[in-house]
N, C-alpha and C. Protein backbone atom coordinates (compact mmCIF):
# COMPACT_ATOMS: atom_id res chain seq x y z
N MET A 1 -84.18 143.99 -23.35
CA MET A 1 -82.79 143.73 -23.02
C MET A 1 -82.56 142.25 -22.76
N ARG A 2 -83.51 141.64 -22.08
CA ARG A 2 -83.38 140.22 -21.76
C ARG A 2 -83.40 139.38 -23.04
N ASN A 3 -84.23 139.75 -24.01
CA ASN A 3 -84.31 139.04 -25.28
C ASN A 3 -82.99 139.13 -26.04
N ALA A 4 -82.34 140.28 -26.03
CA ALA A 4 -81.08 140.47 -26.74
C ALA A 4 -79.99 139.61 -26.14
N SER A 5 -79.87 139.58 -24.80
CA SER A 5 -78.83 138.76 -24.18
C SER A 5 -79.13 137.28 -24.35
N SER A 6 -80.39 136.89 -24.33
CA SER A 6 -80.78 135.50 -24.56
C SER A 6 -80.39 135.07 -25.98
N HIS A 7 -80.59 135.96 -26.94
CA HIS A 7 -80.24 135.68 -28.32
C HIS A 7 -78.72 135.51 -28.47
N ILE A 8 -77.93 136.34 -27.80
CA ILE A 8 -76.47 136.25 -27.85
C ILE A 8 -76.00 134.94 -27.22
N VAL A 9 -76.58 134.55 -26.09
CA VAL A 9 -76.21 133.30 -25.42
C VAL A 9 -76.52 132.11 -26.33
N LYS A 10 -77.69 132.11 -26.98
CA LYS A 10 -78.06 131.02 -27.88
C LYS A 10 -77.09 130.94 -29.06
N ARG A 11 -76.72 132.09 -29.61
CA ARG A 11 -75.79 132.09 -30.74
C ARG A 11 -74.44 131.50 -30.32
N HIS A 12 -73.95 131.92 -29.13
CA HIS A 12 -72.68 131.38 -28.65
C HIS A 12 -72.79 129.89 -28.33
N LEU A 13 -73.92 129.46 -27.81
CA LEU A 13 -74.12 128.04 -27.52
C LEU A 13 -74.07 127.22 -28.80
N TRP A 14 -74.72 127.71 -29.86
CA TRP A 14 -74.68 127.01 -31.14
C TRP A 14 -73.26 126.96 -31.69
N LEU A 15 -72.51 128.02 -31.53
CA LEU A 15 -71.14 128.05 -31.99
C LEU A 15 -70.29 127.03 -31.22
N ILE A 16 -70.47 126.97 -29.93
CA ILE A 16 -69.73 126.00 -29.11
C ILE A 16 -70.10 124.58 -29.51
N LEU A 17 -71.40 124.32 -29.68
CA LEU A 17 -71.83 122.98 -30.08
C LEU A 17 -71.26 122.61 -31.44
N LEU A 18 -71.23 123.56 -32.37
CA LEU A 18 -70.67 123.31 -33.68
C LEU A 18 -69.18 122.97 -33.57
N LEU A 19 -68.46 123.72 -32.76
CA LEU A 19 -67.04 123.45 -32.58
C LEU A 19 -66.78 122.10 -31.92
N VAL A 20 -67.57 121.76 -30.92
CA VAL A 20 -67.36 120.51 -30.19
C VAL A 20 -67.72 119.30 -31.03
N PHE A 21 -68.88 119.34 -31.69
CA PHE A 21 -69.35 118.16 -32.42
C PHE A 21 -69.07 118.20 -33.92
N GLY A 22 -68.80 119.35 -34.47
CA GLY A 22 -68.65 119.47 -35.91
C GLY A 22 -67.23 119.30 -36.41
N ILE A 23 -66.27 119.53 -35.56
CA ILE A 23 -64.88 119.42 -35.98
C ILE A 23 -64.33 118.10 -35.48
N ARG A 24 -63.91 117.28 -36.41
CA ARG A 24 -63.32 115.99 -36.06
C ARG A 24 -61.92 115.95 -36.64
N PRO A 25 -61.03 115.22 -36.00
CA PRO A 25 -59.69 115.10 -36.58
C PRO A 25 -59.75 114.33 -37.88
N LEU A 26 -58.92 114.71 -38.82
CA LEU A 26 -58.85 114.00 -40.08
C LEU A 26 -58.16 112.66 -39.87
N PRO A 27 -58.71 111.58 -40.44
CA PRO A 27 -58.06 110.30 -40.29
C PRO A 27 -56.76 110.28 -41.10
N CYS A 28 -55.66 109.92 -40.45
CA CYS A 28 -54.38 109.92 -41.12
C CYS A 28 -53.40 109.08 -40.33
N ALA A 29 -52.58 108.38 -41.04
CA ALA A 29 -51.51 107.63 -40.41
C ALA A 29 -50.21 108.12 -41.04
N THR A 30 -49.16 108.18 -40.26
CA THR A 30 -47.86 108.52 -40.77
C THR A 30 -47.00 107.27 -40.70
N LEU A 31 -46.52 106.84 -41.84
CA LEU A 31 -45.74 105.62 -41.93
C LEU A 31 -44.30 105.92 -42.29
N GLN A 32 -43.40 105.12 -41.78
CA GLN A 32 -42.02 105.18 -42.22
C GLN A 32 -41.92 104.26 -43.42
N GLN A 33 -41.35 104.77 -44.50
CA GLN A 33 -41.21 103.95 -45.70
C GLN A 33 -40.23 102.83 -45.41
N LEU A 34 -40.65 101.62 -45.73
CA LEU A 34 -39.81 100.44 -45.53
C LEU A 34 -39.47 99.83 -46.88
N THR A 35 -38.21 99.51 -47.08
CA THR A 35 -37.84 98.80 -48.30
C THR A 35 -38.17 97.33 -48.08
N LEU A 36 -38.15 96.57 -49.16
CA LEU A 36 -38.40 95.14 -49.05
C LEU A 36 -37.34 94.50 -48.15
N ASP A 37 -36.09 94.90 -48.30
CA ASP A 37 -35.03 94.36 -47.44
C ASP A 37 -35.24 94.74 -45.97
N ASP A 38 -35.72 95.97 -45.71
CA ASP A 38 -36.03 96.38 -44.33
C ASP A 38 -37.08 95.45 -43.73
N MET A 39 -38.13 95.19 -44.50
CA MET A 39 -39.21 94.34 -43.98
C MET A 39 -38.73 92.91 -43.75
N ILE A 40 -37.90 92.42 -44.66
CA ILE A 40 -37.36 91.06 -44.48
C ILE A 40 -36.54 90.99 -43.20
N ALA A 41 -35.68 91.96 -42.99
CA ALA A 41 -34.81 91.97 -41.81
C ALA A 41 -35.58 92.19 -40.51
N GLN A 42 -36.57 93.08 -40.52
CA GLN A 42 -37.26 93.46 -39.29
C GLN A 42 -38.43 92.56 -38.93
N SER A 43 -38.91 91.75 -39.85
CA SER A 43 -40.04 90.86 -39.57
C SER A 43 -39.63 89.78 -38.58
N THR A 44 -40.54 89.43 -37.71
CA THR A 44 -40.30 88.27 -36.85
C THR A 44 -40.74 86.99 -37.54
N ALA A 45 -41.62 87.13 -38.55
CA ALA A 45 -42.06 85.99 -39.34
C ALA A 45 -42.51 86.49 -40.72
N ILE A 46 -42.28 85.65 -41.72
CA ILE A 46 -42.79 85.90 -43.07
C ILE A 46 -43.42 84.60 -43.52
N VAL A 47 -44.71 84.65 -43.86
CA VAL A 47 -45.42 83.44 -44.25
C VAL A 47 -46.31 83.72 -45.46
N ARG A 48 -46.59 82.67 -46.20
CA ARG A 48 -47.61 82.72 -47.25
C ARG A 48 -48.80 81.96 -46.70
N GLY A 49 -49.97 82.53 -46.82
CA GLY A 49 -51.13 81.85 -46.27
C GLY A 49 -52.44 82.40 -46.76
N THR A 50 -53.51 81.71 -46.36
CA THR A 50 -54.87 82.06 -46.76
C THR A 50 -55.67 82.42 -45.52
N VAL A 51 -56.42 83.52 -45.58
CA VAL A 51 -57.28 83.95 -44.49
C VAL A 51 -58.44 82.95 -44.39
N VAL A 52 -58.61 82.33 -43.20
CA VAL A 52 -59.68 81.33 -43.04
C VAL A 52 -60.76 81.75 -42.05
N ASP A 53 -60.49 82.76 -41.22
CA ASP A 53 -61.48 83.18 -40.24
C ASP A 53 -61.13 84.57 -39.74
N SER A 54 -62.14 85.28 -39.19
CA SER A 54 -61.89 86.58 -38.58
C SER A 54 -62.93 86.85 -37.51
N TRP A 55 -62.54 87.64 -36.51
CA TRP A 55 -63.42 88.08 -35.44
C TRP A 55 -62.80 89.31 -34.80
N ALA A 56 -63.61 90.09 -34.14
CA ALA A 56 -63.11 91.31 -33.49
C ALA A 56 -63.18 91.14 -31.99
N ALA A 57 -62.21 91.74 -31.31
CA ALA A 57 -62.16 91.72 -29.85
C ALA A 57 -61.48 92.98 -29.37
N ARG A 58 -61.81 93.36 -28.17
CA ARG A 58 -61.24 94.56 -27.58
C ARG A 58 -60.03 94.18 -26.72
N THR A 59 -58.94 94.93 -26.89
CA THR A 59 -57.74 94.78 -26.07
C THR A 59 -57.47 96.15 -25.48
N GLY A 60 -57.75 96.32 -24.19
CA GLY A 60 -57.66 97.65 -23.59
C GLY A 60 -58.71 98.54 -24.22
N SER A 61 -58.29 99.69 -24.73
CA SER A 61 -59.25 100.63 -25.34
C SER A 61 -59.32 100.48 -26.86
N VAL A 62 -58.58 99.53 -27.41
CA VAL A 62 -58.53 99.37 -28.86
C VAL A 62 -59.24 98.10 -29.29
N ILE A 63 -60.02 98.23 -30.35
CA ILE A 63 -60.65 97.06 -30.97
C ILE A 63 -59.73 96.57 -32.08
N TYR A 64 -59.44 95.28 -32.06
CA TYR A 64 -58.64 94.65 -33.11
C TYR A 64 -59.49 93.61 -33.82
N THR A 65 -59.31 93.52 -35.14
CA THR A 65 -59.87 92.40 -35.87
C THR A 65 -58.78 91.34 -35.93
N HIS A 66 -59.13 90.16 -35.46
CA HIS A 66 -58.21 89.03 -35.44
C HIS A 66 -58.45 88.21 -36.70
N TYR A 67 -57.37 87.79 -37.33
CA TYR A 67 -57.47 86.95 -38.53
C TYR A 67 -56.70 85.66 -38.29
N LYS A 68 -57.33 84.55 -38.61
CA LYS A 68 -56.63 83.27 -38.58
C LYS A 68 -56.19 82.99 -40.00
N VAL A 69 -54.91 82.69 -40.15
CA VAL A 69 -54.33 82.44 -41.46
C VAL A 69 -53.80 81.01 -41.51
N GLN A 70 -54.24 80.26 -42.50
CA GLN A 70 -53.72 78.91 -42.73
C GLN A 70 -52.43 79.07 -43.53
N VAL A 71 -51.31 78.67 -42.94
CA VAL A 71 -50.00 78.87 -43.54
C VAL A 71 -49.70 77.75 -44.54
N SER A 72 -49.32 78.15 -45.75
CA SER A 72 -48.93 77.17 -46.77
C SER A 72 -47.42 77.15 -47.00
N GLU A 73 -46.74 78.22 -46.58
CA GLU A 73 -45.29 78.29 -46.77
C GLU A 73 -44.69 79.22 -45.72
N ASN A 74 -43.61 78.77 -45.10
CA ASN A 74 -42.89 79.57 -44.11
C ASN A 74 -41.59 80.06 -44.73
N PHE A 75 -41.38 81.37 -44.71
CA PHE A 75 -40.15 81.94 -45.24
C PHE A 75 -39.19 82.34 -44.12
N LYS A 76 -39.73 82.74 -42.99
CA LYS A 76 -38.91 83.19 -41.86
C LYS A 76 -39.71 83.02 -40.58
N GLY A 77 -39.03 82.63 -39.52
CA GLY A 77 -39.66 82.59 -38.20
C GLY A 77 -40.56 81.39 -38.00
N LEU A 78 -41.84 81.64 -37.94
CA LEU A 78 -42.83 80.62 -37.62
C LEU A 78 -42.66 79.33 -38.40
N ARG A 79 -42.90 78.24 -37.74
CA ARG A 79 -42.96 76.94 -38.41
C ARG A 79 -44.25 76.28 -37.96
N GLN A 80 -45.34 77.03 -38.12
CA GLN A 80 -46.64 76.56 -37.69
C GLN A 80 -47.56 76.44 -38.90
N SER A 81 -48.62 75.67 -38.73
CA SER A 81 -49.57 75.49 -39.83
C SER A 81 -50.60 76.63 -39.89
N SER A 82 -50.69 77.42 -38.81
CA SER A 82 -51.58 78.57 -38.82
C SER A 82 -51.01 79.66 -37.92
N VAL A 83 -51.45 80.88 -38.16
CA VAL A 83 -51.02 82.02 -37.36
C VAL A 83 -52.23 82.93 -37.16
N GLU A 84 -52.27 83.56 -35.99
CA GLU A 84 -53.30 84.56 -35.72
C GLU A 84 -52.63 85.92 -35.71
N LEU A 85 -53.18 86.83 -36.52
CA LEU A 85 -52.65 88.19 -36.53
C LEU A 85 -53.78 89.16 -36.27
N VAL A 86 -53.42 90.38 -35.90
CA VAL A 86 -54.43 91.39 -35.59
C VAL A 86 -54.20 92.64 -36.45
N VAL A 87 -55.31 93.30 -36.74
CA VAL A 87 -55.30 94.59 -37.44
C VAL A 87 -56.16 95.53 -36.61
N ALA A 88 -55.65 96.72 -36.33
CA ALA A 88 -56.40 97.69 -35.53
C ALA A 88 -57.69 98.08 -36.24
N GLY A 89 -58.78 98.06 -35.48
CA GLY A 89 -60.09 98.43 -36.00
C GLY A 89 -61.03 97.24 -36.04
N GLY A 90 -62.32 97.52 -35.96
CA GLY A 90 -63.33 96.47 -36.01
C GLY A 90 -64.58 96.89 -35.27
N VAL A 91 -65.49 95.94 -35.08
CA VAL A 91 -66.76 96.20 -34.41
C VAL A 91 -66.96 95.16 -33.32
N VAL A 92 -67.19 95.64 -32.09
CA VAL A 92 -67.49 94.78 -30.95
C VAL A 92 -68.68 95.38 -30.21
N ASN A 93 -69.73 94.60 -30.01
CA ASN A 93 -70.93 95.06 -29.28
C ASN A 93 -71.45 96.40 -29.80
N ASN A 94 -71.57 96.52 -31.10
CA ASN A 94 -72.06 97.74 -31.77
C ASN A 94 -71.14 98.95 -31.60
N LEU A 95 -69.95 98.75 -31.07
CA LEU A 95 -68.95 99.82 -30.98
C LEU A 95 -67.95 99.60 -32.10
N SER A 96 -67.79 100.62 -32.94
CA SER A 96 -66.93 100.51 -34.10
C SER A 96 -65.72 101.42 -33.95
N GLN A 97 -64.55 100.90 -34.32
CA GLN A 97 -63.34 101.71 -34.39
C GLN A 97 -62.71 101.47 -35.75
N SER A 98 -62.19 102.52 -36.35
CA SER A 98 -61.46 102.36 -37.61
C SER A 98 -60.18 103.18 -37.52
N PHE A 99 -59.17 102.69 -38.20
CA PHE A 99 -57.86 103.33 -38.19
C PHE A 99 -57.40 103.47 -39.64
N SER A 100 -57.05 104.67 -40.00
CA SER A 100 -56.61 104.95 -41.35
C SER A 100 -55.41 104.07 -41.70
N GLY A 101 -55.48 103.46 -42.86
CA GLY A 101 -54.37 102.62 -43.32
C GLY A 101 -54.46 101.17 -42.93
N SER A 102 -55.40 100.82 -42.03
CA SER A 102 -55.54 99.42 -41.63
C SER A 102 -56.20 98.62 -42.75
N PRO A 103 -55.56 97.52 -43.16
CA PRO A 103 -56.16 96.73 -44.24
C PRO A 103 -57.34 95.90 -43.74
N THR A 104 -58.23 95.57 -44.66
CA THR A 104 -59.32 94.64 -44.40
C THR A 104 -59.03 93.38 -45.20
N LEU A 105 -59.02 92.25 -44.54
CA LEU A 105 -58.73 90.98 -45.20
C LEU A 105 -60.02 90.18 -45.30
N ASN A 106 -60.18 89.46 -46.38
CA ASN A 106 -61.39 88.67 -46.59
C ASN A 106 -61.07 87.18 -46.56
N LYS A 107 -62.01 86.42 -46.07
CA LYS A 107 -61.87 84.97 -46.03
C LYS A 107 -61.57 84.47 -47.45
N GLY A 108 -60.57 83.62 -47.57
CA GLY A 108 -60.17 83.08 -48.86
C GLY A 108 -59.06 83.84 -49.54
N ASP A 109 -58.77 85.08 -49.10
CA ASP A 109 -57.68 85.86 -49.69
C ASP A 109 -56.35 85.21 -49.33
N GLN A 110 -55.43 85.22 -50.29
CA GLN A 110 -54.10 84.65 -50.07
C GLN A 110 -53.06 85.76 -50.15
N PHE A 111 -52.15 85.76 -49.20
CA PHE A 111 -51.12 86.80 -49.12
C PHE A 111 -49.78 86.20 -48.72
N VAL A 112 -48.72 86.97 -48.95
CA VAL A 112 -47.47 86.79 -48.24
C VAL A 112 -47.49 87.88 -47.18
N PHE A 113 -47.40 87.46 -45.92
CA PHE A 113 -47.48 88.37 -44.78
C PHE A 113 -46.09 88.59 -44.18
N PHE A 114 -45.70 89.85 -44.06
CA PHE A 114 -44.49 90.22 -43.31
C PHE A 114 -45.00 90.63 -41.93
N LEU A 115 -44.69 89.84 -40.93
CA LEU A 115 -45.28 90.01 -39.60
C LEU A 115 -44.24 90.38 -38.56
N TRP A 116 -44.71 91.06 -37.54
CA TRP A 116 -43.88 91.30 -36.35
C TRP A 116 -44.77 91.13 -35.13
N THR A 117 -44.19 90.65 -34.07
CA THR A 117 -44.92 90.41 -32.84
C THR A 117 -44.48 91.44 -31.81
N SER A 118 -45.44 92.16 -31.25
CA SER A 118 -45.15 93.21 -30.27
C SER A 118 -44.78 92.60 -28.93
N ARG A 119 -44.28 93.41 -28.04
CA ARG A 119 -43.95 92.95 -26.68
C ARG A 119 -45.18 92.44 -25.95
N ALA A 120 -46.35 92.96 -26.34
CA ALA A 120 -47.61 92.52 -25.73
C ALA A 120 -48.08 91.18 -26.32
N GLY A 121 -47.34 90.68 -27.31
CA GLY A 121 -47.68 89.39 -27.89
C GLY A 121 -48.65 89.45 -29.06
N LEU A 122 -48.96 90.65 -29.56
CA LEU A 122 -49.86 90.77 -30.70
C LEU A 122 -49.06 90.71 -32.00
N THR A 123 -49.42 89.82 -32.88
CA THR A 123 -48.76 89.69 -34.17
C THR A 123 -49.50 90.56 -35.17
N GLN A 124 -48.74 91.45 -35.83
CA GLN A 124 -49.33 92.42 -36.74
C GLN A 124 -48.57 92.44 -38.06
N ILE A 125 -49.19 93.03 -39.07
CA ILE A 125 -48.56 93.19 -40.38
C ILE A 125 -47.62 94.38 -40.30
N MET A 126 -46.40 94.23 -40.81
CA MET A 126 -45.43 95.32 -40.78
C MET A 126 -45.90 96.49 -41.63
N GLY A 127 -45.83 97.68 -41.06
CA GLY A 127 -46.11 98.90 -41.81
C GLY A 127 -47.50 98.95 -42.41
N LEU A 128 -48.48 98.46 -41.66
CA LEU A 128 -49.86 98.37 -42.14
C LEU A 128 -49.89 97.57 -43.44
N THR A 129 -50.14 98.20 -44.58
CA THR A 129 -50.24 97.43 -45.82
C THR A 129 -48.89 97.21 -46.50
N GLN A 130 -47.82 97.82 -46.01
CA GLN A 130 -46.51 97.63 -46.64
C GLN A 130 -46.07 96.17 -46.58
N GLY A 131 -46.45 95.47 -45.54
CA GLY A 131 -46.05 94.08 -45.35
C GLY A 131 -47.10 93.08 -45.79
N LEU A 132 -47.89 93.44 -46.79
CA LEU A 132 -49.00 92.59 -47.22
C LEU A 132 -48.97 92.48 -48.75
N PHE A 133 -48.53 91.32 -49.24
CA PHE A 133 -48.45 91.06 -50.68
C PHE A 133 -49.57 90.11 -51.08
N ALA A 134 -50.52 90.59 -51.86
CA ALA A 134 -51.61 89.75 -52.35
C ALA A 134 -51.06 88.78 -53.38
N VAL A 135 -51.44 87.51 -53.25
CA VAL A 135 -51.02 86.49 -54.20
C VAL A 135 -52.19 86.28 -55.16
N ALA A 136 -51.91 86.43 -56.44
CA ALA A 136 -52.95 86.32 -57.47
C ALA A 136 -53.61 84.94 -57.39
N PRO A 137 -54.95 84.91 -57.51
CA PRO A 137 -55.67 83.65 -57.36
C PRO A 137 -55.67 82.78 -58.62
N ASP A 138 -54.74 83.04 -59.54
CA ASP A 138 -54.72 82.22 -60.75
C ASP A 138 -54.11 80.85 -60.47
N ALA A 139 -54.22 79.97 -61.43
CA ALA A 139 -53.74 78.60 -61.25
C ALA A 139 -52.26 78.45 -61.62
N SER A 140 -51.59 79.55 -61.82
CA SER A 140 -50.19 79.53 -62.21
C SER A 140 -49.33 78.92 -61.11
N ALA A 141 -48.29 78.22 -61.53
CA ALA A 141 -47.34 77.66 -60.56
C ALA A 141 -46.48 78.77 -59.94
N ASP A 142 -46.43 79.90 -60.62
CA ASP A 142 -45.63 81.03 -60.14
C ASP A 142 -46.45 82.32 -60.24
N PRO A 143 -47.43 82.49 -59.34
CA PRO A 143 -48.32 83.66 -59.44
C PRO A 143 -47.60 84.96 -59.06
N MET A 144 -48.25 86.06 -59.39
CA MET A 144 -47.75 87.38 -59.01
C MET A 144 -48.07 87.66 -57.55
N ALA A 145 -47.14 88.29 -56.87
CA ALA A 145 -47.35 88.78 -55.51
C ALA A 145 -47.26 90.30 -55.60
N THR A 146 -48.34 90.98 -55.19
CA THR A 146 -48.43 92.42 -55.38
C THR A 146 -48.74 93.14 -54.07
N ARG A 147 -47.96 94.16 -53.80
CA ARG A 147 -48.23 95.04 -52.67
C ARG A 147 -48.69 96.37 -53.25
N ALA A 148 -49.94 96.70 -52.99
CA ALA A 148 -50.50 97.95 -53.51
C ALA A 148 -49.85 99.14 -52.81
N ALA A 149 -49.74 100.24 -53.54
CA ALA A 149 -49.21 101.48 -52.96
C ALA A 149 -50.16 101.97 -51.87
N THR A 150 -49.60 102.45 -50.78
CA THR A 150 -50.42 103.01 -49.72
C THR A 150 -50.74 104.46 -50.04
N HIS A 151 -51.90 104.91 -49.59
CA HIS A 151 -52.29 106.30 -49.80
C HIS A 151 -52.08 107.13 -48.53
N GLU A 152 -51.52 106.51 -47.50
CA GLU A 152 -51.26 107.21 -46.25
C GLU A 152 -49.97 108.04 -46.37
N LEU A 153 -49.84 109.01 -45.49
CA LEU A 153 -48.62 109.82 -45.46
C LEU A 153 -47.45 108.91 -45.11
N MET A 154 -46.42 108.95 -45.94
CA MET A 154 -45.26 108.11 -45.75
C MET A 154 -44.01 108.98 -45.76
N LEU A 155 -43.11 108.73 -44.81
CA LEU A 155 -41.89 109.52 -44.69
C LEU A 155 -40.66 108.69 -45.00
N ASP A 156 -39.71 109.30 -45.66
CA ASP A 156 -38.42 108.68 -45.90
C ASP A 156 -37.70 108.64 -44.55
N PRO A 157 -37.21 107.48 -44.10
CA PRO A 157 -36.57 107.40 -42.77
C PRO A 157 -35.27 108.19 -42.67
N LYS A 158 -34.60 108.45 -43.79
CA LYS A 158 -33.33 109.19 -43.75
C LYS A 158 -33.53 110.69 -43.70
N THR A 159 -34.55 111.19 -44.42
CA THR A 159 -34.74 112.65 -44.52
C THR A 159 -35.95 113.16 -43.75
N ALA A 160 -36.83 112.24 -43.34
CA ALA A 160 -38.09 112.59 -42.67
C ALA A 160 -39.00 113.43 -43.57
N GLN A 161 -38.74 113.38 -44.88
CA GLN A 161 -39.56 114.09 -45.85
C GLN A 161 -40.61 113.16 -46.43
N PRO A 162 -41.79 113.70 -46.76
CA PRO A 162 -42.84 112.86 -47.36
C PRO A 162 -42.38 112.27 -48.69
N VAL A 163 -42.75 111.02 -48.91
CA VAL A 163 -42.45 110.34 -50.17
C VAL A 163 -43.72 109.68 -50.68
N LYS A 164 -43.77 109.46 -51.96
CA LYS A 164 -44.92 108.80 -52.56
C LYS A 164 -44.61 107.31 -52.67
N ASP A 165 -45.54 106.49 -52.24
CA ASP A 165 -45.36 105.05 -52.30
C ASP A 165 -45.69 104.56 -53.70
N ALA A 166 -45.15 103.41 -54.05
CA ALA A 166 -45.40 102.81 -55.36
C ALA A 166 -45.80 101.36 -55.18
N THR A 167 -46.61 100.87 -56.10
CA THR A 167 -46.98 99.47 -56.10
C THR A 167 -45.74 98.63 -56.37
N LEU A 168 -45.65 97.49 -55.70
CA LEU A 168 -44.52 96.58 -55.88
C LEU A 168 -45.10 95.23 -56.29
N ALA A 169 -44.70 94.73 -57.45
CA ALA A 169 -45.21 93.45 -57.94
C ALA A 169 -44.04 92.61 -58.43
N MET A 170 -44.08 91.33 -58.10
CA MET A 170 -43.06 90.39 -58.56
C MET A 170 -43.62 88.98 -58.52
N ARG A 171 -43.00 88.11 -59.26
CA ARG A 171 -43.39 86.71 -59.22
C ARG A 171 -43.09 86.16 -57.83
N LEU A 172 -43.92 85.23 -57.38
CA LEU A 172 -43.72 84.63 -56.06
C LEU A 172 -42.34 83.99 -55.95
N SER A 173 -41.86 83.39 -57.01
CA SER A 173 -40.52 82.78 -56.98
C SER A 173 -39.44 83.84 -56.76
N ASP A 174 -39.62 85.03 -57.35
CA ASP A 174 -38.65 86.11 -57.16
C ASP A 174 -38.70 86.64 -55.72
N LEU A 175 -39.90 86.76 -55.17
CA LEU A 175 -40.04 87.20 -53.77
C LEU A 175 -39.41 86.17 -52.84
N ARG A 176 -39.66 84.90 -53.09
CA ARG A 176 -39.09 83.82 -52.28
C ARG A 176 -37.55 83.88 -52.32
N SER A 177 -36.99 84.07 -53.52
CA SER A 177 -35.53 84.17 -53.67
C SER A 177 -34.96 85.39 -52.95
N ARG A 178 -35.67 86.50 -53.06
CA ARG A 178 -35.20 87.74 -52.42
C ARG A 178 -35.19 87.58 -50.90
N ILE A 179 -36.22 86.96 -50.35
CA ILE A 179 -36.27 86.73 -48.91
C ILE A 179 -35.10 85.84 -48.49
N ALA A 180 -34.90 84.75 -49.20
CA ALA A 180 -33.83 83.81 -48.85
C ALA A 180 -32.45 84.46 -48.95
N SER A 181 -32.20 85.22 -50.03
CA SER A 181 -30.87 85.83 -50.18
C SER A 181 -30.64 86.93 -49.14
N THR A 182 -31.66 87.70 -48.81
CA THR A 182 -31.52 88.74 -47.79
C THR A 182 -31.26 88.13 -46.41
N LEU A 183 -31.98 87.05 -46.09
CA LEU A 183 -31.75 86.36 -44.82
C LEU A 183 -30.36 85.73 -44.76
N ASN A 184 -29.92 85.12 -45.86
CA ASN A 184 -28.58 84.53 -45.90
C ASN A 184 -27.50 85.59 -45.75
N ALA A 185 -27.68 86.73 -46.40
CA ALA A 185 -26.71 87.83 -46.30
C ALA A 185 -26.64 88.37 -44.87
N SER A 186 -27.79 88.49 -44.21
CA SER A 186 -27.78 89.02 -42.84
C SER A 186 -27.20 88.01 -41.86
N GLN A 187 -27.39 86.71 -42.11
CA GLN A 187 -26.79 85.69 -41.25
C GLN A 187 -25.27 85.65 -41.43
N GLY A 188 -24.83 85.85 -42.67
CA GLY A 188 -23.40 85.87 -42.95
C GLY A 188 -22.73 87.07 -42.32
N ALA A 189 -23.42 88.20 -42.30
CA ALA A 189 -22.86 89.43 -41.70
C ALA A 189 -22.80 89.34 -40.19
N SER A 190 -23.69 88.55 -39.59
CA SER A 190 -23.71 88.48 -38.13
C SER A 190 -22.72 87.43 -37.59
N GLN A 191 -22.11 86.65 -38.48
CA GLN A 191 -21.16 85.62 -38.00
C GLN A 191 -19.75 86.13 -37.94
């Protein structure tokens, strides 16, 4: 009798251990779909720049990777030669955190960054990768700026229904013009 009850307890213990350690939440982010005009209007800064350095640090319970960006062109907000932005996730003291949808930037990469600064003072990319346009490394005077489609769950802000994201690509001159015209239109509407 003792052997039978011991066997039942062991089976239940294995089941509990499997449930506790074997089931993990699926990594997923839910994003609100932002139009280019939404990002232009809602950004606190829009800059073109090159990633020159990165490091990870803990802020509260979250690890952020900090990126230093050498600014080559200011479209909105900042008028500085460099900016520090953060992306959730990274490694500090052998402790690793990752967040679905967080981009990884590499030293030397050039982007147009749509940024917003939180009340806590952390400058981040709008909508994870939605506010990140890679600038082609060619020698062209007017390179392509491309925002890759996100694979994260994205919702239409009007219907709250899932939508599929699409890659957005345009010449840097066209992006520059679109930013300027959208900002001019919003300034005219506020006067």
